[in-house]
Amino acid sequence: MRLFYILCTKIPGNVVKNIASSSSKKVIPPTAYTRIWGSLFGKYLLVTNTISSGFLMGFGDIMSQEIEYRTNLLQKRYDWKRIGQMFLVGCLAGPFHHFFYKWMDHILPKADVVTSAKKIFLDQTIFSPFCIITFFYSAGILEKKNLGECNKELKEKFLTVYFADWTIWPTAQFINFYFLPPQYRVLYINVITMFYNVFLCYVKHTETSFFKFLEPEREKSTKEN
């Protein structure tokens, strides 16, 4: 106890301050994991967003093909050419997402409810239609369809996809814009899109059309008349 008393009372104050100062300035060196993570979501964010968009679009198509195979819509389990095409479409979409969200965060930097609502409005009225159009035309070109065939497919399926967008993305994007740091926006969207792509790829590669849902009503009204 006496030794403890001496240490507490006899050590000069400047020594104690120096010890405290040196300990507070101690910097923990970054690990390899933190350096890689920092590079992926810092210096190489555009590359990360592009590649992750491609891989998750391709994986979404794999899940879509599995469903189509199990429901007898596909004879072969996996069409790797089609998966590769969806990967390329995803890689094309990645930079658009990257720069669009960067632009929105620049003009609307706050993370409150009103600002998030404005971003959702811009996303749904400008970017969502653009992405749908880009998806069908880029996928159609990779499938060697001509412009007329791409136009026909877009006309038949645009409303189906766009209405589905409104049921899913406003809620997902509110979480994105209100809670997440900007550098994780595209990765978050890509993860959600991976599951959404199951639906998107199904619509793309089947005869699904919004107007087909209206056909029974049309037939019913025709018979009544």
C-alpha atoms as a PDB file:
ATOM      1  CA  MET A   1       0.000   0.000   0.000  1.00  0.00           C
ATOM      2  CA  ARG A   2       2.860   2.366   0.817  1.00  0.00           C
ATOM      3  CA  LEU A   3       4.408   1.728  -2.615  1.00  0.00           C
ATOM      4  CA  PHE A   4       1.070   2.503  -4.262  1.00  0.00           C
ATOM      5  CA  TYR A   5       0.837   5.748  -2.239  1.00  0.00           C
ATOM      6  CA  ILE A   6       4.340   6.790  -3.286  1.00  0.00           C
ATOM      7  CA  LEU A   7       3.623   6.082  -6.961  1.00  0.00           C
ATOM      8  CA  CYS A   8       0.415   8.086  -6.857  1.00  0.00           C
ATOM      9  CA  THR A   9       1.837  11.085  -5.007  1.00  0.00           C
ATOM     10  CA  LYS A  10       5.490  11.314  -5.976  1.00  0.00           C
ATOM     11  CA  ILE A  11       5.433  10.809  -9.750  1.00  0.00           C
ATOM     12  CA  PRO A  12       5.679  14.244 -11.412  1.00  0.00           C
ATOM     13  CA  GLY A  13       2.533  15.438 -13.145  1.00  0.00           C
ATOM     14  CA  ASN A  14       4.295  16.003 -16.454  1.00  0.00           C
ATOM     15  CA  VAL A  15       5.324  12.332 -16.544  1.00  0.00           C
ATOM     16  CA  VAL A  16       1.721  11.262 -16.072  1.00  0.00           C
ATOM     17  CA  LYS A  17       0.620  13.672 -18.821  1.00  0.00           C
ATOM     18  CA  ASN A  18       3.272  12.353 -21.202  1.00  0.00           C
ATOM     19  CA  ILE A  19       2.204   8.772 -20.571  1.00  0.00           C
ATOM     20  CA  ALA A  20      -1.452   9.656 -21.138  1.00  0.00           C
ATOM     21  CA  SER A  21      -0.605  11.673 -24.243  1.00  0.00           C
ATOM     22  CA  SER A  22       1.485   8.904 -25.780  1.00  0.00           C
ATOM     23  CA  SER A  23      -1.211   6.305 -25.140  1.00  0.00           C
ATOM     24  CA  SER A  24      -3.913   8.507 -26.660  1.00  0.00           C
ATOM     25  CA  LYS A  25      -1.831   9.008 -29.805  1.00  0.00           C
ATOM     26  CA  LYS A  26      -1.306   5.304 -30.291  1.00  0.00           C
ATOM     27  CA  VAL A  27      -2.707   4.285 -33.679  1.00  0.00           C
ATOM     28  CA  ILE A  28      -3.820   0.740 -34.341  1.00  0.00           C
ATOM     29  CA  PRO A  29      -2.413  -0.292 -37.731  1.00  0.00           C
ATOM     30  CA  PRO A  30      -5.052  -1.382 -40.265  1.00  0.00           C
ATOM     31  CA  THR A  31      -5.343  -5.067 -41.028  1.00  0.00           C
ATOM     32  CA  ALA A  32      -5.242  -6.494 -44.537  1.00  0.00           C
ATOM     33  CA  TYR A  33      -9.019  -6.921 -44.392  1.00  0.00           C
ATOM     34  CA  THR A  34      -9.669  -3.276 -43.510  1.00  0.00           C
ATOM     35  CA  ARG A  35      -7.241  -2.096 -46.200  1.00  0.00           C
ATOM     36  CA  ILE A  36      -8.944  -4.214 -48.864  1.00  0.00           C
ATOM     37  CA  TRP A  37     -12.413  -3.175 -47.696  1.00  0.00           C
ATOM     38  CA  GLY A  38     -11.378   0.471 -47.677  1.00  0.00           C
ATOM     39  CA  SER A  39     -10.027   0.199 -51.228  1.00  0.00           C
ATOM     40  CA  LEU A  40     -13.105  -1.618 -52.565  1.00  0.00           C
ATOM     41  CA  PHE A  41     -15.479   0.987 -51.140  1.00  0.00           C
ATOM     42  CA  GLY A  42     -13.184   3.950 -51.614  1.00  0.00           C
ATOM     43  CA  LYS A  43     -10.649   4.218 -54.419  1.00  0.00           C
ATOM     44  CA  TYR A  44     -12.147   1.370 -56.490  1.00  0.00           C
ATOM     45  CA  LEU A  45     -15.826   1.958 -55.705  1.00  0.00           C
ATOM     46  CA  LEU A  46     -16.827   2.205 -59.382  1.00  0.00           C
ATOM     47  CA  VAL A  47     -15.174  -1.155 -60.138  1.00  0.00           C
ATOM     48  CA  THR A  48     -16.814  -2.722 -57.065  1.00  0.00           C
ATOM     49  CA  ASN A  49     -20.250  -1.456 -58.090  1.00  0.00           C
ATOM     50  CA  THR A  50     -19.796  -2.629 -61.692  1.00  0.00           C
ATOM     51  CA  ILE A  51     -18.555  -6.150 -60.923  1.00  0.00           C
ATOM     52  CA  SER A  52     -21.016  -6.742 -58.079  1.00  0.00           C
ATOM     53  CA  SER A  53     -23.884  -5.663 -60.353  1.00  0.00           C
ATOM     54  CA  GLY A  54     -22.775  -8.190 -62.962  1.00  0.00           C
ATOM     55  CA  PHE A  55     -22.325 -11.108 -60.571  1.00  0.00           C
ATOM     56  CA  LEU A  56     -25.586 -10.528 -58.715  1.00  0.00           C
ATOM     57  CA  MET A  57     -27.523 -10.103 -61.972  1.00  0.00           C
ATOM     58  CA  GLY A  58     -26.063 -13.394 -63.190  1.00  0.00           C
ATOM     59  CA  PHE A  59     -26.844 -15.141 -59.903  1.00  0.00           C
ATOM     60  CA  GLY A  60     -30.395 -13.826 -60.048  1.00  0.00           C
ATOM     61  CA  ASP A  61     -30.746 -15.406 -63.496  1.00  0.00           C
ATOM     62  CA  ILE A  62     -29.428 -18.720 -62.134  1.00  0.00           C
ATOM     63  CA  MET A  63     -32.208 -18.689 -59.517  1.00  0.00           C
ATOM     64  CA  SER A  64     -34.730 -17.708 -62.191  1.00  0.00           C
ATOM     65  CA  GLN A  65     -33.643 -20.596 -64.420  1.00  0.00           C
ATOM     66  CA  GLU A  66     -33.919 -22.989 -61.484  1.00  0.00           C
ATOM     67  CA  ILE A  67     -37.547 -21.941 -60.999  1.00  0.00           C
ATOM     68  CA  GLU A  68     -38.235 -22.196 -64.743  1.00  0.00           C
ATOM     69  CA  TYR A  69     -36.651 -25.666 -64.835  1.00  0.00           C
ATOM     70  CA  ARG A  70     -38.668 -26.926 -61.866  1.00  0.00           C
ATOM     71  CA  THR A  71     -41.899 -25.606 -63.428  1.00  0.00           C
ATOM     72  CA  ASN A  72     -41.077 -27.252 -66.789  1.00  0.00           C
ATOM     73  CA  LEU A  73     -40.517 -23.965 -68.610  1.00  0.00           C
ATOM     74  CA  LEU A  74     -36.915 -24.975 -69.373  1.00  0.00           C
ATOM     75  CA  GLN A  75     -35.772 -28.360 -70.633  1.00  0.00           C
ATOM     76  CA  LYS A  76     -32.146 -27.759 -69.662  1.00  0.00           C
ATOM     77  CA  ARG A  77     -31.323 -26.742 -66.112  1.00  0.00           C
ATOM     78  CA  TYR A  78     -28.855 -23.923 -66.804  1.00  0.00           C
ATOM     79  CA  ASP A  79     -28.277 -21.922 -69.964  1.00  0.00           C
ATOM     80  CA  TRP A  80     -24.790 -20.553 -69.312  1.00  0.00           C
ATOM     81  CA  LYS A  81     -24.890 -18.335 -72.377  1.00  0.00           C
ATOM     82  CA  ARG A  82     -27.988 -16.627 -71.020  1.00  0.00           C
ATOM     83  CA  ILE A  83     -26.348 -16.306 -67.584  1.00  0.00           C
ATOM     84  CA  GLY A  84     -23.318 -14.695 -69.226  1.00  0.00           C
ATOM     85  CA  GLN A  85     -25.583 -12.265 -71.053  1.00  0.00           C
ATOM     86  CA  MET A  86     -27.272 -11.288 -67.790  1.00  0.00           C
ATOM     87  CA  PHE A  87     -23.830 -10.810 -66.213  1.00  0.00           C
ATOM     88  CA  LEU A  88     -22.914  -8.368 -68.992  1.00  0.00           C
ATOM     89  CA  VAL A  89     -26.232  -6.541 -68.604  1.00  0.00           C
ATOM     90  CA  GLY A  90     -25.507  -6.194 -64.881  1.00  0.00           C
ATOM     91  CA  CYS A  91     -22.018  -4.855 -65.577  1.00  0.00           C
ATOM     92  CA  LEU A  92     -23.574  -2.298 -67.912  1.00  0.00           C
ATOM     93  CA  ALA A  93     -26.076  -1.230 -65.243  1.00  0.00           C
ATOM     94  CA  GLY A  94     -23.466  -0.897 -62.474  1.00  0.00           C
ATOM     95  CA  PRO A  95     -21.843   2.372 -63.641  1.00  0.00           C
ATOM     96  CA  PHE A  96     -25.260   3.953 -64.249  1.00  0.00           C
ATOM     97  CA  HIS A  97     -26.265   3.180 -60.656  1.00  0.00           C
ATOM     98  CA  HIS A  98     -22.910   4.421 -59.372  1.00  0.00           C
ATOM     99  CA  PHE A  99     -23.057   7.839 -61.022  1.00  0.00           C
ATOM    100  CA  PHE A 100     -26.794   8.367 -60.574  1.00  0.00           C
ATOM    101  CA  TYR A 101     -26.649   7.836 -56.804  1.00  0.00           C
ATOM    102  CA  LYS A 102     -23.504   9.943 -56.606  1.00  0.00           C
ATOM    103  CA  TRP A 103     -25.330  12.744 -58.415  1.00  0.00           C
ATOM    104  CA  MET A 104     -28.378  12.476 -56.130  1.00  0.00           C
ATOM    105  CA  ASP A 105     -26.205  12.559 -53.001  1.00  0.00           C
ATOM    106  CA  HIS A 106     -24.532  15.679 -54.392  1.00  0.00           C
ATOM    107  CA  ILE A 107     -27.721  17.642 -55.052  1.00  0.00           C
ATOM    108  CA  LEU A 108     -29.599  16.191 -52.043  1.00  0.00           C
ATOM    109  CA  PRO A 109     -26.924  15.611 -49.376  1.00  0.00           C
ATOM    110  CA  LYS A 110     -29.172  15.344 -46.299  1.00  0.00           C
ATOM    111  CA  ALA A 111     -30.359  12.035 -44.838  1.00  0.00           C
ATOM    112  CA  ASP A 112     -33.784  13.004 -43.513  1.00  0.00           C
ATOM    113  CA  VAL A 113     -37.289  11.825 -44.379  1.00  0.00           C
ATOM    114  CA  VAL A 114     -38.100  14.663 -46.797  1.00  0.00           C
ATOM    115  CA  THR A 115     -34.802  14.329 -48.687  1.00  0.00           C
ATOM    116  CA  SER A 116     -35.193  10.546 -48.860  1.00  0.00           C
ATOM    117  CA  ALA A 117     -38.691  11.001 -50.307  1.00  0.00           C
ATOM    118  CA  LYS A 118     -37.312  13.352 -52.970  1.00  0.00           C
ATOM    119  CA  LYS A 119     -34.632  10.816 -53.897  1.00  0.00           C
ATOM    120  CA  ILE A 120     -37.223   8.041 -54.111  1.00  0.00           C
ATOM    121  CA  PHE A 121     -39.338  10.207 -56.421  1.00  0.00           C
ATOM    122  CA  LEU A 122     -36.346  10.865 -58.703  1.00  0.00           C
ATOM    123  CA  ASP A 123     -35.389   7.206 -58.633  1.00  0.00           C
ATOM    124  CA  GLN A 124     -38.856   5.951 -59.534  1.00  0.00           C
ATOM    125  CA  THR A 125     -39.759   8.547 -62.159  1.00  0.00           C
ATOM    126  CA  ILE A 126     -36.396   8.961 -63.906  1.00  0.00           C
ATOM    127  CA  PHE A 127     -33.989   6.155 -63.151  1.00  0.00           C
ATOM    128  CA  SER A 128     -36.376   3.207 -62.902  1.00  0.00           C
ATOM    129  CA  PRO A 129     -37.860   3.649 -66.423  1.00  0.00           C
ATOM    130  CA  PHE A 130     -34.355   4.243 -67.785  1.00  0.00           C
ATOM    131  CA  CYS A 131     -33.080   1.004 -66.191  1.00  0.00           C
ATOM    132  CA  ILE A 132     -36.009  -1.028 -67.506  1.00  0.00           C
ATOM    133  CA  ILE A 133     -35.527   0.282 -71.039  1.00  0.00           C
ATOM    134  CA  THR A 134     -31.755  -0.291 -70.859  1.00  0.00           C
ATOM    135  CA  PHE A 135     -32.293  -3.821 -69.550  1.00  0.00           C
ATOM    136  CA  PHE A 136     -34.604  -4.931 -72.354  1.00  0.00           C
ATOM    137  CA  TYR A 137     -32.605  -3.330 -75.166  1.00  0.00           C
ATOM    138  CA  SER A 138     -29.173  -4.470 -73.949  1.00  0.00           C
ATOM    139  CA  ALA A 139     -30.426  -8.002 -73.289  1.00  0.00           C
ATOM    140  CA  GLY A 140     -32.183  -8.021 -76.663  1.00  0.00           C
ATOM    141  CA  ILE A 141     -29.005  -6.939 -78.471  1.00  0.00           C
ATOM    142  CA  LEU A 142     -27.021  -9.699 -76.732  1.00  0.00           C
ATOM    143  CA  GLU A 143     -29.709 -12.159 -77.858  1.00  0.00           C
ATOM    144  CA  LYS A 144     -29.232 -10.831 -81.437  1.00  0.00           C
ATOM    145  CA  LYS A 145     -32.737  -9.426 -81.680  1.00  0.00           C
ATOM    146  CA  ASN A 146     -33.406  -6.616 -84.117  1.00  0.00           C
ATOM    147  CA  LEU A 147     -34.742  -3.207 -83.101  1.00  0.00           C
ATOM    148  CA  GLY A 148     -38.323  -4.100 -83.978  1.00  0.00           C
ATOM    149  CA  GLU A 149     -38.241  -7.195 -81.766  1.00  0.00           C
ATOM    150  CA  CYS A 150     -36.766  -5.189 -78.881  1.00  0.00           C
ATOM    151  CA  ASN A 151     -39.457  -2.532 -79.287  1.00  0.00           C
ATOM    152  CA  LYS A 152     -42.204  -5.166 -79.288  1.00  0.00           C
ATOM    153  CA  GLU A 153     -40.879  -6.889 -76.170  1.00  0.00           C
ATOM    154  CA  LEU A 154     -40.472  -3.600 -74.310  1.00  0.00           C
ATOM    155  CA  LYS A 155     -44.004  -2.538 -75.227  1.00  0.00           C
ATOM    156  CA  GLU A 156     -45.418  -5.841 -73.970  1.00  0.00           C
ATOM    157  CA  LYS A 157     -43.449  -6.088 -70.726  1.00  0.00           C
ATOM    158  CA  PHE A 158     -42.601  -2.557 -69.598  1.00  0.00           C
ATOM    159  CA  LEU A 159     -45.718  -2.014 -67.480  1.00  0.00           C
ATOM    160  CA  THR A 160     -45.363  -5.425 -65.821  1.00  0.00           C
ATOM    161  CA  VAL A 161     -41.873  -4.573 -64.604  1.00  0.00           C
ATOM    162  CA  TYR A 162     -42.621  -0.927 -63.806  1.00  0.00           C
ATOM    163  CA  PHE A 163     -45.629  -1.768 -61.635  1.00  0.00           C
ATOM    164  CA  ALA A 164     -43.519  -4.358 -59.812  1.00  0.00           C
ATOM    165  CA  ASP A 165     -40.887  -1.658 -59.270  1.00  0.00           C
ATOM    166  CA  TRP A 166     -43.403   0.501 -57.427  1.00  0.00           C
ATOM    167  CA  THR A 167     -44.336  -2.329 -55.060  1.00  0.00           C
ATOM    168  CA  ILE A 168     -40.729  -3.088 -54.042  1.00  0.00           C
ATOM    169  CA  TRP A 169     -38.316  -0.211 -54.534  1.00  0.00           C
ATOM    170  CA  PRO A 170     -39.824   2.752 -52.622  1.00  0.00           C
ATOM    171  CA  THR A 171     -39.504   0.891 -49.313  1.00  0.00           C
ATOM    172  CA  ALA A 172     -36.101  -0.559 -50.192  1.00  0.00           C
ATOM    173  CA  GLN A 173     -34.825   2.824 -51.306  1.00  0.00           C
ATOM    174  CA  PHE A 174     -36.030   4.575 -48.167  1.00  0.00           C
ATOM    175  CA  ILE A 175     -33.783   2.254 -46.149  1.00  0.00           C
ATOM    176  CA  ASN A 176     -30.991   2.978 -48.620  1.00  0.00           C
ATOM    177  CA  PHE A 177     -31.260   6.767 -48.582  1.00  0.00           C
ATOM    178  CA  TYR A 178     -32.167   7.251 -44.918  1.00  0.00           C
ATOM    179  CA  PHE A 179     -29.906   4.772 -43.126  1.00  0.00           C
ATOM    180  CA  LEU A 180     -26.931   3.782 -45.304  1.00  0.00           C
ATOM    181  CA  PRO A 181     -23.660   5.617 -46.036  1.00  0.00           C
ATOM    182  CA  PRO A 182     -23.351   6.664 -49.716  1.00  0.00           C
ATOM    183  CA  GLN A 183     -20.536   4.221 -50.546  1.00  0.00           C
ATOM    184  CA  TYR A 184     -22.771   1.224 -49.769  1.00  0.00           C
ATOM    185  CA  ARG A 185     -25.802   2.321 -51.785  1.00  0.00           C
ATOM    186  CA  VAL A 186     -25.110   0.370 -54.972  1.00  0.00           C
ATOM    187  CA  LEU A 187     -24.017  -2.794 -53.130  1.00  0.00           C
ATOM    188  CA  TYR A 188     -27.229  -2.712 -51.098  1.00  0.00           C
ATOM    189  CA  ILE A 189     -29.285  -2.201 -54.254  1.00  0.00           C
ATOM    190  CA  ASN A 190     -27.427  -5.048 -55.955  1.00  0.00           C
ATOM    191  CA  VAL A 191     -28.285  -7.444 -53.126  1.00  0.00           C
ATOM    192  CA  ILE A 192     -31.978  -6.503 -53.318  1.00  0.00           C
ATOM    193  CA  THR A 193     -31.776  -6.647 -57.110  1.00  0.00           C
ATOM    194  CA  MET A 194     -30.367 -10.183 -56.961  1.00  0.00           C
ATOM    195  CA  PHE A 195     -33.740 -11.380 -55.665  1.00  0.00           C
ATOM    196  CA  TYR A 196     -35.694  -8.922 -57.810  1.00  0.00           C
ATOM    197  CA  ASN A 197     -33.808 -10.234 -60.843  1.00  0.00           C
ATOM    198  CA  VAL A 198     -35.438 -13.623 -60.347  1.00  0.00           C
ATOM    199  CA  PHE A 199     -38.686 -11.911 -61.310  1.00  0.00           C
ATOM    200  CA  LEU A 200     -37.028  -9.682 -63.912  1.00  0.00           C
ATOM    201  CA  CYS A 201     -35.281 -12.554 -65.709  1.00  0.00           C
ATOM    202  CA  TYR A 202     -38.470 -14.613 -65.550  1.00  0.00           C
ATOM    203  CA  VAL A 203     -40.411 -11.808 -67.253  1.00  0.00           C
ATOM    204  CA  LYS A 204     -37.614 -11.318 -69.786  1.00  0.00           C
ATOM    205  CA  HIS A 205     -37.458 -14.949 -70.855  1.00  0.00           C
ATOM    206  CA  THR A 206     -41.144 -15.908 -70.738  1.00  0.00           C
ATOM    207  CA  GLU A 207     -44.256 -14.614 -72.449  1.00  0.00           C
ATOM    208  CA  THR A 208     -45.363 -12.763 -69.313  1.00  0.00           C
ATOM    209  CA  SER A 209     -47.053  -9.466 -70.096  1.00  0.00           C
ATOM    210  CA  PHE A 210     -49.118  -6.999 -68.103  1.00  0.00           C
ATOM    211  CA  PHE A 211     -51.753  -7.055 -70.824  1.00  0.00           C
ATOM    212  CA  LYS A 212     -52.241 -10.801 -70.361  1.00  0.00           C
ATOM    213  CA  PHE A 213     -53.670 -10.091 -66.913  1.00  0.00           C
ATOM    214  CA  LEU A 214     -56.321  -7.978 -68.653  1.00  0.00           C
ATOM    215  CA  GLU A 215     -57.262 -10.616 -71.239  1.00  0.00           C
ATOM    216  CA  PRO A 216     -59.723 -12.556 -69.013  1.00  0.00           C
ATOM    217  CA  GLU A 217     -61.554  -9.298 -68.235  1.00  0.00           C
ATOM    218  CA  ARG A 218     -61.632  -8.377 -71.916  1.00  0.00           C
ATOM    219  CA  GLU A 219     -62.998 -11.792 -72.869  1.00  0.00           C
ATOM    220  CA  LYS A 220     -65.602 -11.554 -70.115  1.00  0.00           C
ATOM    221  CA  SER A 221     -66.800  -8.108 -71.231  1.00  0.00           C
ATOM    222  CA  THR A 222     -66.847  -9.238 -74.879  1.00  0.00           C
ATOM    223  CA  LYS A 223     -69.064 -12.223 -74.051  1.00  0.00           C
ATOM    224  CA  GLU A 224     -71.411 -10.052 -71.987  1.00  0.00           C
ATOM    225  CA  ASN A 225     -71.773  -7.610 -74.874  1.00  0.00           C
END
